[in-house]
Amino acid sequence: MGDRDAPERDPDARFTLANERTYLAWVRTSLAVIAGGLAIAQFLRGGVLGTAAAVGVGIALIAVGAVLSMSSYRQWQRNDRALRRGGPLPRTVLPRLLIIAVVVTAALAVGLSAAVLVTR
């Protein structure tokens, strides 16, 4: 009998609640990334970066936040299913996606800061 055919049972409430807390932490993180994208798109328009570039970076961050949010829900579902079947928790790419977004954003911030310093 495969893991997909395993009968479901109610897991220990502590594991279910921990899974929900992890999901909510990912949702908060995705909201922060979205807010950062909105801030960049709003406040850096017309500056050294230029309106189109600021809006582009903002939209990219908003998209990353949306993907994080959708992916975190899917991961919560996968974890819940694994807990109910008594199987191992599935792997996730969410931390890798987040760290790539943070590194790219940090590189952009360094570039923007350097551009501001050079133009002064």
Protein backbone atom coordinates (compact mmCIF):
# COMPACT_ATOMS: atom_id res chain seq x y z
CA MET A 1 0.00 0.00 0.00
CA GLY A 2 1.48 3.39 -1.03
CA ASP A 3 1.62 6.50 1.12
CA ARG A 4 -1.27 8.00 -0.86
CA ASP A 5 -3.45 5.04 0.10
CA ALA A 6 -2.64 5.26 3.81
CA PRO A 7 -5.72 5.88 5.95
CA GLU A 8 -5.97 9.35 7.39
CA ARG A 9 -6.15 9.92 11.13
CA ASP A 10 -6.25 13.00 13.29
CA PRO A 11 -2.68 13.94 14.20
CA ASP A 12 -1.62 15.26 17.57
CA ALA A 13 -3.05 18.78 17.90
CA ARG A 14 0.42 20.15 18.69
CA PHE A 15 1.67 19.14 15.24
CA THR A 16 -1.39 20.55 13.52
CA LEU A 17 -1.02 23.86 15.37
CA ALA A 18 2.72 23.98 14.63
CA ASN A 19 1.96 23.46 10.94
CA GLU A 20 -0.56 26.33 11.07
CA ARG A 21 1.92 28.63 12.86
CA THR A 22 4.53 27.90 10.21
CA TYR A 23 2.00 28.65 7.48
CA LEU A 24 1.05 31.94 9.14
CA ALA A 25 4.73 32.89 9.45
CA TRP A 26 5.13 32.37 5.70
CA VAL A 27 2.01 34.47 5.08
CA ARG A 28 3.46 37.30 7.23
CA THR A 29 6.71 37.04 5.31
CA SER A 30 4.92 37.21 1.97
CA LEU A 31 2.95 40.25 3.15
CA ALA A 32 6.21 41.95 4.15
CA VAL A 33 7.70 41.25 0.71
CA ILE A 34 4.56 42.63 -0.96
CA ALA A 35 4.68 45.73 1.26
CA GLY A 36 8.34 46.22 0.36
CA GLY A 37 7.47 46.00 -3.32
CA LEU A 38 4.70 48.55 -2.90
CA ALA A 39 7.04 50.87 -1.00
CA ILE A 40 9.71 50.67 -3.68
CA ALA A 41 7.20 51.24 -6.46
CA GLN A 42 5.67 54.20 -4.64
CA PHE A 43 8.61 56.02 -3.06
CA LEU A 44 11.45 55.49 -5.53
CA ARG A 45 9.58 56.68 -8.60
CA GLY A 46 11.31 59.51 -10.40
CA GLY A 47 14.48 59.15 -8.34
CA VAL A 48 17.88 57.97 -9.47
CA LEU A 49 16.40 54.61 -10.36
CA GLY A 50 13.70 56.07 -12.59
CA THR A 51 9.99 55.44 -12.51
CA ALA A 52 9.96 52.43 -14.84
CA ALA A 53 12.77 50.67 -12.99
CA ALA A 54 11.27 51.39 -9.56
CA VAL A 55 7.88 50.11 -10.63
CA GLY A 56 9.53 47.06 -12.25
CA VAL A 57 11.43 46.19 -9.07
CA GLY A 58 8.28 46.79 -7.04
CA ILE A 59 6.20 44.54 -9.26
CA ALA A 60 8.87 41.83 -9.11
CA LEU A 61 8.79 41.89 -5.30
CA ILE A 62 5.00 41.87 -5.26
CA ALA A 63 5.07 38.83 -7.56
CA VAL A 64 7.56 37.07 -5.27
CA GLY A 65 5.28 37.79 -2.31
CA ALA A 66 2.29 36.37 -4.18
CA VAL A 67 4.21 33.23 -5.13
CA LEU A 68 5.37 32.82 -1.51
CA SER A 69 1.83 33.17 -0.29
CA MET A 70 0.39 30.63 -2.73
CA SER A 71 3.30 28.23 -2.20
CA SER A 72 3.01 28.44 1.58
CA TYR A 73 -0.65 27.42 1.39
CA ARG A 74 0.23 24.47 -0.81
CA GLN A 75 3.01 23.49 1.61
CA TRP A 76 0.59 23.71 4.54
CA GLN A 77 -1.77 21.34 2.71
CA ARG A 78 1.03 18.91 1.92
CA ASN A 79 2.24 18.94 5.52
CA ASP A 80 -1.28 18.43 6.85
CA ARG A 81 -1.83 15.47 4.53
CA ALA A 82 1.50 13.92 5.58
CA LEU A 83 0.69 14.40 9.27
CA ARG A 84 -2.72 12.79 8.83
CA ARG A 85 -1.20 9.81 7.02
CA GLY A 86 1.68 9.44 9.45
CA GLY A 87 4.27 9.94 6.73
CA PRO A 88 7.35 12.14 6.52
CA LEU A 89 6.91 15.84 5.90
CA PRO A 90 7.55 16.85 2.29
CA ARG A 91 10.47 19.06 1.35
CA THR A 92 9.86 22.67 0.45
CA VAL A 93 11.53 25.23 -1.80
CA LEU A 94 10.09 28.21 0.08
CA PRO A 95 13.26 29.09 2.04
CA ARG A 96 15.34 28.92 -1.17
CA LEU A 97 12.86 31.15 -3.01
CA LEU A 98 12.87 33.66 -0.17
CA ILE A 99 16.64 33.82 0.15
CA ILE A 100 17.04 34.33 -3.60
CA ALA A 101 14.55 37.21 -3.44
CA VAL A 102 16.37 38.72 -0.44
CA VAL A 103 19.80 38.45 -2.09
CA VAL A 104 18.57 39.97 -5.36
CA THR A 105 16.82 42.78 -3.48
CA ALA A 106 19.92 43.45 -1.39
CA ALA A 107 22.05 43.60 -4.54
CA LEU A 108 19.60 46.07 -6.05
CA ALA A 109 19.69 48.15 -2.87
CA VAL A 110 23.49 48.26 -2.96
CA GLY A 111 23.38 49.28 -6.61
CA LEU A 112 20.82 51.99 -5.90
CA SER A 113 22.83 53.30 -2.97
CA ALA A 114 25.98 53.41 -5.09
CA ALA A 115 24.11 55.21 -7.88
CA VAL A 116 22.82 57.82 -5.42
CA LEU A 117 26.31 58.39 -4.00
CA VAL A 118 27.88 58.71 -7.46
CA THR A 119 25.31 61.27 -8.65
CA ARG A 120 25.77 63.54 -5.64
